PDB file of N, CA and C in Angstrom:
ATOM      1  N   MET A   1       2.776  25.080   3.833  1.00  0.00           N
ATOM      2  CA  MET A   1       3.582  24.076   3.176  1.00  0.00           C
ATOM      3  C   MET A   1       3.065  22.670   3.478  1.00  0.00           C
ATOM      4  N   MET A   2       2.650  22.453   4.737  1.00  0.00           N
ATOM      5  CA  MET A   2       2.158  21.139   5.114  1.00  0.00           C
ATOM      6  C   MET A   2       0.864  20.805   4.375  1.00  0.00           C
ATOM      7  N   ALA A   3      -0.003  21.797   4.197  1.00  0.00           N
ATOM      8  CA  ALA A   3      -1.249  21.565   3.469  1.00  0.00           C
ATOM      9  C   ALA A   3      -0.958  21.206   2.015  1.00  0.00           C
ATOM     10  N   LEU A   4       0.010  21.875   1.415  1.00  0.00           N
ATOM     11  CA  LEU A   4       0.377  21.577   0.029  1.00  0.00           C
ATOM     12  C   LEU A   4       0.884  20.145  -0.096  1.00  0.00           C
ATOM     13  N   ARG A   5       1.742  19.726   0.826  1.00  0.00           N
ATOM     14  CA  ARG A   5       2.247  18.353   0.792  1.00  0.00           C
ATOM     15  C   ARG A   5       1.118  17.349   1.005  1.00  0.00           C
ATOM     16  N   SER A   6       0.159  17.693   1.850  1.00  0.00           N
ATOM     17  CA  SER A   6      -0.984  16.809   2.073  1.00  0.00           C
ATOM     18  C   SER A   6      -1.799  16.650   0.802  1.00  0.00           C
ATOM     19  N   TYR A   7      -2.062  17.752   0.118  1.00  0.00           N
ATOM     20  CA  TYR A   7      -2.816  17.690  -1.135  1.00  0.00           C
ATOM     21  C   TYR A   7      -2.056  16.924  -2.210  1.00  0.00           C
ATOM     22  N   LEU A   8      -0.744  17.112  -2.267  1.00  0.00           N
ATOM     23  CA  LEU A   8       0.063  16.365  -3.233  1.00  0.00           C
ATOM     24  C   LEU A   8       0.018  14.868  -2.944  1.00  0.00           C
ATOM     25  N   PHE A   9       0.086  14.509  -1.667  1.00  0.00           N
ATOM     26  CA  PHE A   9       0.031  13.089  -1.333  1.00  0.00           C
ATOM     27  C   PHE A   9      -1.339  12.501  -1.649  1.00  0.00           C
ATOM     28  N   VAL A  10      -2.395  13.236  -1.379  1.00  0.00           N
ATOM     29  CA  VAL A  10      -3.738  12.738  -1.701  1.00  0.00           C
ATOM     30  C   VAL A  10      -3.866  12.526  -3.207  1.00  0.00           C
ATOM     31  N   ALA A  11      -3.322  13.447  -4.000  1.00  0.00           N
ATOM     32  CA  ALA A  11      -3.335  13.279  -5.456  1.00  0.00           C
ATOM     33  C   ALA A  11      -2.527  12.040  -5.850  1.00  0.00           C
ATOM     34  N   TRP A  12      -1.365  11.847  -5.222  1.00  0.00           N
ATOM     35  CA  TRP A  12      -0.523  10.668  -5.464  1.00  0.00           C
ATOM     36  C   TRP A  12      -1.291   9.391  -5.122  1.00  0.00           C
ATOM     37  N   LEU A  13      -1.931   9.387  -3.965  1.00  0.00           N
ATOM     38  CA  LEU A  13      -2.664   8.217  -3.489  1.00  0.00           C
ATOM     39  C   LEU A  13      -3.796   7.846  -4.443  1.00  0.00           C
ATOM     40  N   TYR A  14      -4.654   8.812  -4.759  1.00  0.00           N
ATOM     41  CA  TYR A  14      -5.797   8.515  -5.618  1.00  0.00           C
ATOM     42  C   TYR A  14      -5.384   8.273  -7.061  1.00  0.00           C
ATOM     43  N   GLY A  15      -4.324   8.929  -7.498  1.00  0.00           N
ATOM     44  CA  GLY A  15      -3.821   8.675  -8.851  1.00  0.00           C
ATOM     45  C   GLY A  15      -3.351   7.238  -9.003  1.00  0.00           C
ATOM     46  N   TRP A  16      -2.535   6.786  -8.067  1.00  0.00           N
ATOM     47  CA  TRP A  16      -2.051   5.408  -8.127  1.00  0.00           C
ATOM     48  C   TRP A  16      -3.169   4.412  -7.870  1.00  0.00           C
ATOM     49  N   MET A  17      -4.149   4.802  -7.048  1.00  0.00           N
ATOM     50  CA  MET A  17      -5.279   3.917  -6.810  1.00  0.00           C
ATOM     51  C   MET A  17      -6.043   3.674  -8.111  1.00  0.00           C
ATOM     52  N   ALA A  18      -6.240   4.727  -8.888  1.00  0.00           N
ATOM     53  CA  ALA A  18      -6.936   4.590 -10.170  1.00  0.00           C
ATOM     54  C   ALA A  18      -6.109   3.765 -11.154  1.00  0.00           C
ATOM     55  N   ILE A  19      -4.816   4.066 -11.241  1.00  0.00           N
ATOM     56  CA  ILE A  19      -3.946   3.341 -12.173  1.00  0.00           C
ATOM     57  C   ILE A  19      -3.892   1.859 -11.818  1.00  0.00           C
ATOM     58  N   CYS A  20      -3.627   1.569 -10.564  1.00  0.00           N
ATOM     59  CA  CYS A  20      -3.520   0.173 -10.140  1.00  0.00           C
ATOM     60  C   CYS A  20      -4.869  -0.535 -10.206  1.00  0.00           C
ATOM     61  N   GLY A  21      -5.931   0.182  -9.904  1.00  0.00           N
ATOM     62  CA  GLY A  21      -7.257  -0.422  -9.983  1.00  0.00           C
ATOM     63  C   GLY A  21      -7.581  -0.911 -11.380  1.00  0.00           C
ATOM     64  N   ILE A  22      -7.163  -0.151 -12.381  1.00  0.00           N
ATOM     65  CA  ILE A  22      -7.409  -0.554 -13.773  1.00  0.00           C
ATOM     66  C   ILE A  22      -6.419  -1.633 -14.212  1.00  0.00           C
ATOM     67  N   LEU A  23      -5.143  -1.415 -13.920  1.00  0.00           N
ATOM     68  CA  LEU A  23      -4.122  -2.362 -14.370  1.00  0.00           C
ATOM     69  C   LEU A  23      -4.227  -3.720 -13.686  1.00  0.00           C
ATOM     70  N   TYR A  24      -4.710  -3.743 -12.460  1.00  0.00           N
ATOM     71  CA  TYR A  24      -4.746  -4.994 -11.711  1.00  0.00           C
ATOM     72  C   TYR A  24      -6.063  -5.752 -11.868  1.00  0.00           C
ATOM     73  N   LEU A  25      -6.991  -5.244 -12.654  1.00  0.00           N
ATOM     74  CA  LEU A  25      -8.251  -5.962 -12.865  1.00  0.00           C
ATOM     75  C   LEU A  25      -8.041  -7.385 -13.383  1.00  0.00           C
ATOM     76  N   PRO A  26      -7.114  -7.612 -14.318  1.00  0.00           N
ATOM     77  CA  PRO A  26      -6.926  -8.988 -14.797  1.00  0.00           C
ATOM     78  C   PRO A  26      -6.474  -9.969 -13.719  1.00  0.00           C
ATOM     79  N   THR A  27      -5.947  -9.480 -12.616  1.00  0.00           N
ATOM     80  CA  THR A  27      -5.504 -10.409 -11.571  1.00  0.00           C
ATOM     81  C   THR A  27      -6.680 -11.132 -10.916  1.00  0.00           C
ATOM     82  N   MET A  28      -7.899 -10.658 -11.152  1.00  0.00           N
ATOM     83  CA  MET A  28      -9.061 -11.363 -10.608  1.00  0.00           C
ATOM     84  C   MET A  28      -9.203 -12.739 -11.250  1.00  0.00           C
ATOM     85  N   LEU A  29      -8.653 -12.899 -12.450  1.00  0.00           N
ATOM     86  CA  LEU A  29      -8.742 -14.176 -13.150  1.00  0.00           C
ATOM     87  C   LEU A  29      -7.559 -15.089 -12.840  1.00  0.00           C
ATOM     88  N   LEU A  30      -6.577 -14.571 -12.160  1.00  0.00           N
ATOM     89  CA  LEU A  30      -5.368 -15.324 -11.841  1.00  0.00           C
ATOM     90  C   LEU A  30      -5.434 -15.845 -10.409  1.00  0.00           C
ATOM     91  N   PRO A  31      -4.498 -16.699 -10.027  1.00  0.00           N
ATOM     92  CA  PRO A  31      -4.474 -17.170  -8.635  1.00  0.00           C
ATOM     93  C   PRO A  31      -4.306 -16.013  -7.650  1.00  0.00           C
ATOM     94  N   ARG A  32      -4.699 -16.261  -6.432  1.00  0.00           N
ATOM     95  CA  ARG A  32      -4.674 -15.240  -5.382  1.00  0.00           C
ATOM     96  C   ARG A  32      -3.278 -14.647  -5.178  1.00  0.00           C
ATOM     97  N   VAL A  33      -2.246 -15.440  -5.396  1.00  0.00           N
ATOM     98  CA  VAL A  33      -0.867 -14.978  -5.202  1.00  0.00           C
ATOM     99  C   VAL A  33      -0.570 -13.780  -6.105  1.00  0.00           C
ATOM    100  N   ALA A  34      -1.087 -13.789  -7.323  1.00  0.00           N
ATOM    101  CA  ALA A  34      -0.852 -12.674  -8.247  1.00  0.00           C
ATOM    102  C   ALA A  34      -1.468 -11.392  -7.706  1.00  0.00           C
ATOM    103  N   ALA A  35      -2.685 -11.477  -7.195  1.00  0.00           N
ATOM    104  CA  ALA A  35      -3.340 -10.297  -6.629  1.00  0.00           C
ATOM    105  C   ALA A  35      -2.596  -9.804  -5.391  1.00  0.00           C
ATOM    106  N   GLN A  36      -2.108 -10.712  -4.573  1.00  0.00           N
ATOM    107  CA  GLN A  36      -1.366 -10.319  -3.374  1.00  0.00           C
ATOM    108  C   GLN A  36      -0.077  -9.598  -3.740  1.00  0.00           C
ATOM    109  N   ARG A  37       0.590 -10.040  -4.794  1.00  0.00           N
ATOM    110  CA  ARG A  37       1.809  -9.358  -5.236  1.00  0.00           C
ATOM    111  C   ARG A  37       1.497  -7.955  -5.731  1.00  0.00           C
ATOM    112  N   CYS A  38       0.400  -7.809  -6.447  1.00  0.00           N
ATOM    113  CA  CYS A  38       0.003  -6.489  -6.936  1.00  0.00           C
ATOM    114  C   CYS A  38      -0.330  -5.557  -5.777  1.00  0.00           C
ATOM    115  N   ILE A  39      -1.017  -6.068  -4.787  1.00  0.00           N
ATOM    116  CA  ILE A  39      -1.361  -5.256  -3.617  1.00  0.00           C
ATOM    117  C   ILE A  39      -0.097  -4.848  -2.866  1.00  0.00           C
ATOM    118  N   ARG A  40       0.859  -5.764  -2.769  1.00  0.00           N
ATOM    119  CA  ARG A  40       2.123  -5.451  -2.110  1.00  0.00           C
ATOM    120  C   ARG A  40       2.866  -4.349  -2.864  1.00  0.00           C
ATOM    121  N   LEU A  41       2.866  -4.422  -4.190  1.00  0.00           N
ATOM    122  CA  LEU A  41       3.505  -3.389  -5.005  1.00  0.00           C
ATOM    123  C   LEU A  41       2.814  -2.045  -4.804  1.00  0.00           C
ATOM    124  N   TYR A  42       1.483  -2.043  -4.782  1.00  0.00           N
ATOM    125  CA  TYR A  42       0.730  -0.807  -4.552  1.00  0.00           C
ATOM    126  C   TYR A  42       1.094  -0.200  -3.194  1.00  0.00           C
ATOM    127  N   ALA A  43       1.181  -1.037  -2.171  1.00  0.00           N
ATOM    128  CA  ALA A  43       1.539  -0.538  -0.837  1.00  0.00           C
ATOM    129  C   ALA A  43       2.942   0.062  -0.829  1.00  0.00           C
ATOM    130  N   GLN A  44       3.872  -0.555  -1.552  1.00  0.00           N
ATOM    131  CA  GLN A  44       5.228  -0.011  -1.630  1.00  0.00           C
ATOM    132  C   GLN A  44       5.236   1.340  -2.340  1.00  0.00           C
ATOM    133  N   ILE A  45       4.433   1.472  -3.387  1.00  0.00           N
ATOM    134  CA  ILE A  45       4.345   2.748  -4.110  1.00  0.00           C
ATOM    135  C   ILE A  45       3.813   3.840  -3.185  1.00  0.00           C
ATOM    136  N   ILE A  46       2.810   3.522  -2.393  1.00  0.00           N
ATOM    137  CA  ILE A  46       2.241   4.500  -1.469  1.00  0.00           C
ATOM    138  C   ILE A  46       3.259   4.864  -0.393  1.00  0.00           C
ATOM    139  N   ARG A  47       4.017   3.884   0.092  1.00  0.00           N
ATOM    140  CA  ARG A  47       5.055   4.179   1.092  1.00  0.00           C
ATOM    141  C   ARG A  47       6.132   5.084   0.520  1.00  0.00           C
ATOM    142  N   VAL A  48       6.479   4.903  -0.754  1.00  0.00           N
ATOM    143  CA  VAL A  48       7.450   5.792  -1.401  1.00  0.00           C
ATOM    144  C   VAL A  48       6.893   7.210  -1.446  1.00  0.00           C
ATOM    145  N   GLY A  49       5.605   7.338  -1.759  1.00  0.00           N
ATOM    146  CA  GLY A  49       4.979   8.656  -1.768  1.00  0.00           C
ATOM    147  C   GLY A  49       4.999   9.310  -0.397  1.00  0.00           C
ATOM    148  N   LEU A  50       4.739   8.517   0.637  1.00  0.00           N
ATOM    149  CA  LEU A  50       4.808   9.062   1.997  1.00  0.00           C
ATOM    150  C   LEU A  50       6.197   9.604   2.301  1.00  0.00           C
ATOM    151  N   LYS A  51       7.218   8.873   1.875  1.00  0.00           N
ATOM    152  CA  LYS A  51       8.590   9.293   2.157  1.00  0.00           C
ATOM    153  C   LYS A  51       8.969  10.523   1.332  1.00  0.00           C
ATOM    154  N   LEU A  52       8.690  10.506   0.032  1.00  0.00           N
ATOM    155  CA  LEU A  52       9.127  11.593  -0.844  1.00  0.00           C
ATOM    156  C   LEU A  52       8.318  12.874  -0.663  1.00  0.00           C
ATOM    157  N   ILE A  53       7.016  12.732  -0.518  1.00  0.00           N
ATOM    158  CA  ILE A  53       6.149  13.911  -0.469  1.00  0.00           C
ATOM    159  C   ILE A  53       6.001  14.436   0.953  1.00  0.00           C
ATOM    160  N   CYS A  54       5.722  13.532   1.890  1.00  0.00           N
ATOM    161  CA  CYS A  54       5.425  13.954   3.264  1.00  0.00           C
ATOM    162  C   CYS A  54       6.603  13.804   4.216  1.00  0.00           C
ATOM    163  N   ASN A  55       7.678  13.189   3.748  1.00  0.00           N
ATOM    164  CA  ASN A  55       8.856  12.951   4.583  1.00  0.00           C
ATOM    165  C   ASN A  55       8.508  12.121   5.826  1.00  0.00           C
ATOM    166  N   ILE A  56       7.673  11.096   5.613  1.00  0.00           N
ATOM    167  CA  ILE A  56       7.255  10.203   6.692  1.00  0.00           C
ATOM    168  C   ILE A  56       7.909   8.851   6.471  1.00  0.00           C
ATOM    169  N   ASP A  57       8.655   8.395   7.472  1.00  0.00           N
ATOM    170  CA  ASP A  57       9.258   7.067   7.420  1.00  0.00           C
ATOM    171  C   ASP A  57       8.288   6.057   8.010  1.00  0.00           C
ATOM    172  N   THR A  58       8.302   4.852   7.465  1.00  0.00           N
ATOM    173  CA  THR A  58       7.478   3.776   8.006  1.00  0.00           C
ATOM    174  C   THR A  58       8.396   2.702   8.563  1.00  0.00           C
ATOM    175  N   GLU A  59       7.920   2.044   9.594  1.00  0.00           N
ATOM    176  CA  GLU A  59       8.698   0.989  10.235  1.00  0.00           C
ATOM    177  C   GLU A  59       7.768  -0.168  10.534  1.00  0.00           C
ATOM    178  N   ILE A  60       8.192  -1.352  10.160  1.00  0.00           N
ATOM    179  CA  ILE A  60       7.403  -2.547  10.420  1.00  0.00           C
ATOM    180  C   ILE A  60       8.108  -3.327  11.517  1.00  0.00           C
ATOM    181  N   ARG A  61       7.403  -3.534  12.621  1.00  0.00           N
ATOM    182  CA  ARG A  61       7.970  -4.256  13.766  1.00  0.00           C
ATOM    183  C   ARG A  61       7.216  -5.559  13.981  1.00  0.00           C
ATOM    184  N   GLY A  62       7.926  -6.530  14.493  1.00  0.00           N
ATOM    185  CA  GLY A  62       7.289  -7.782  14.879  1.00  0.00           C
ATOM    186  C   GLY A  62       6.986  -8.724  13.736  1.00  0.00           C
ATOM    187  N   ARG A  63       7.626  -8.510  12.599  1.00  0.00           N
ATOM    188  CA  ARG A  63       7.373  -9.372  11.444  1.00  0.00           C
ATOM    189  C   ARG A  63       7.675 -10.837  11.775  1.00  0.00           C
ATOM    190  N   GLU A  64       8.613 -11.069  12.673  1.00  0.00           N
ATOM    191  CA  GLU A  64       8.983 -12.445  13.030  1.00  0.00           C
ATOM    192  C   GLU A  64       7.884 -13.138  13.828  1.00  0.00           C
ATOM    193  N   HIS A  65       6.907 -12.390  14.326  1.00  0.00           N
ATOM    194  CA  HIS A  65       5.825 -12.975  15.119  1.00  0.00           C
ATOM    195  C   HIS A  65       4.595 -13.321  14.276  1.00  0.00           C
ATOM    196  N   ILE A  66       4.634 -13.060  12.985  1.00  0.00           N
ATOM    197  CA  ILE A  66       3.490 -13.360  12.119  1.00  0.00           C
ATOM    198  C   ILE A  66       3.422 -14.868  11.907  1.00  0.00           C
ATOM    199  N   PRO A  67       2.270 -15.489  12.185  1.00  0.00           N
ATOM    200  CA  PRO A  67       2.151 -16.936  12.002  1.00  0.00           C
ATOM    201  C   PRO A  67       2.195 -17.321  10.520  1.00  0.00           C
ATOM    202  N   GLN A  68       2.590 -18.550  10.249  1.00  0.00           N
ATOM    203  CA  GLN A  68       2.696 -19.030   8.874  1.00  0.00           C
ATOM    204  C   GLN A  68       1.326 -19.318   8.261  1.00  0.00           C
ATOM    205  N   GLY A  69       0.402 -19.805   9.050  1.00  0.00           N
ATOM    206  CA  GLY A  69      -0.916 -20.159   8.539  1.00  0.00           C
ATOM    207  C   GLY A  69      -1.858 -18.970   8.526  1.00  0.00           C
ATOM    208  N   PRO A  70      -3.129 -19.230   8.253  1.00  0.00           N
ATOM    209  CA  PRO A  70      -4.123 -18.149   8.249  1.00  0.00           C
ATOM    210  C   PRO A  70      -4.281 -17.538   9.645  1.00  0.00           C
ATOM    211  N   PHE A  71      -4.557 -16.254   9.680  1.00  0.00           N
ATOM    212  CA  PHE A  71      -4.752 -15.568  10.953  1.00  0.00           C
ATOM    213  C   PHE A  71      -5.601 -14.332  10.717  1.00  0.00           C
ATOM    214  N   LEU A  72      -6.100 -13.768  11.793  1.00  0.00           N
ATOM    215  CA  LEU A  72      -6.893 -12.548  11.745  1.00  0.00           C
ATOM    216  C   LEU A  72      -6.073 -11.432  12.350  1.00  0.00           C
ATOM    217  N   TYR A  73      -5.915 -10.347  11.616  1.00  0.00           N
ATOM    218  CA  TYR A  73      -5.167  -9.188  12.097  1.00  0.00           C
ATOM    219  C   TYR A  73      -6.162  -8.126  12.529  1.00  0.00           C
ATOM    220  N   ALA A  74      -6.066  -7.667  13.759  1.00  0.00           N
ATOM    221  CA  ALA A  74      -6.929  -6.605  14.269  1.00  0.00           C
ATOM    222  C   ALA A  74      -6.038  -5.454  14.717  1.00  0.00           C
ATOM    223  N   GLY A  75      -6.091  -4.352  14.005  1.00  0.00           N
ATOM    224  CA  GLY A  75      -5.261  -3.197  14.330  1.00  0.00           C
ATOM    225  C   GLY A  75      -5.884  -2.356  15.434  1.00  0.00           C
ATOM    226  N   LYS A  76      -5.049  -1.822  16.277  1.00  0.00           N
ATOM    227  CA  LYS A  76      -5.507  -0.945  17.349  1.00  0.00           C
ATOM    228  C   LYS A  76      -5.104   0.476  16.975  1.00  0.00           C
ATOM    229  N   HIS A  77      -6.078   1.360  16.930  1.00  0.00           N
ATOM    230  CA  HIS A  77      -5.760   2.735  16.540  1.00  0.00           C
ATOM    231  C   HIS A  77      -6.469   3.746  17.397  1.00  0.00           C
TER     232      HIS A  77
END
């Protein structure tokens, strides 16, 4: 069952990646804010897939510590 859910999520991920990749091409001609909104929407769609298909909840911590200006994010994994 877990393998099936994994394959379904991979199909969901790549399907939306293809759809958004084509639909969001015009944002290259628009200001950066438009592209950032599209990327945020794509991330939300993927998070919905994680919840519905894989039953994985996501949690964002420390949002209040994000600086207002430019910064470099380095993830530890």
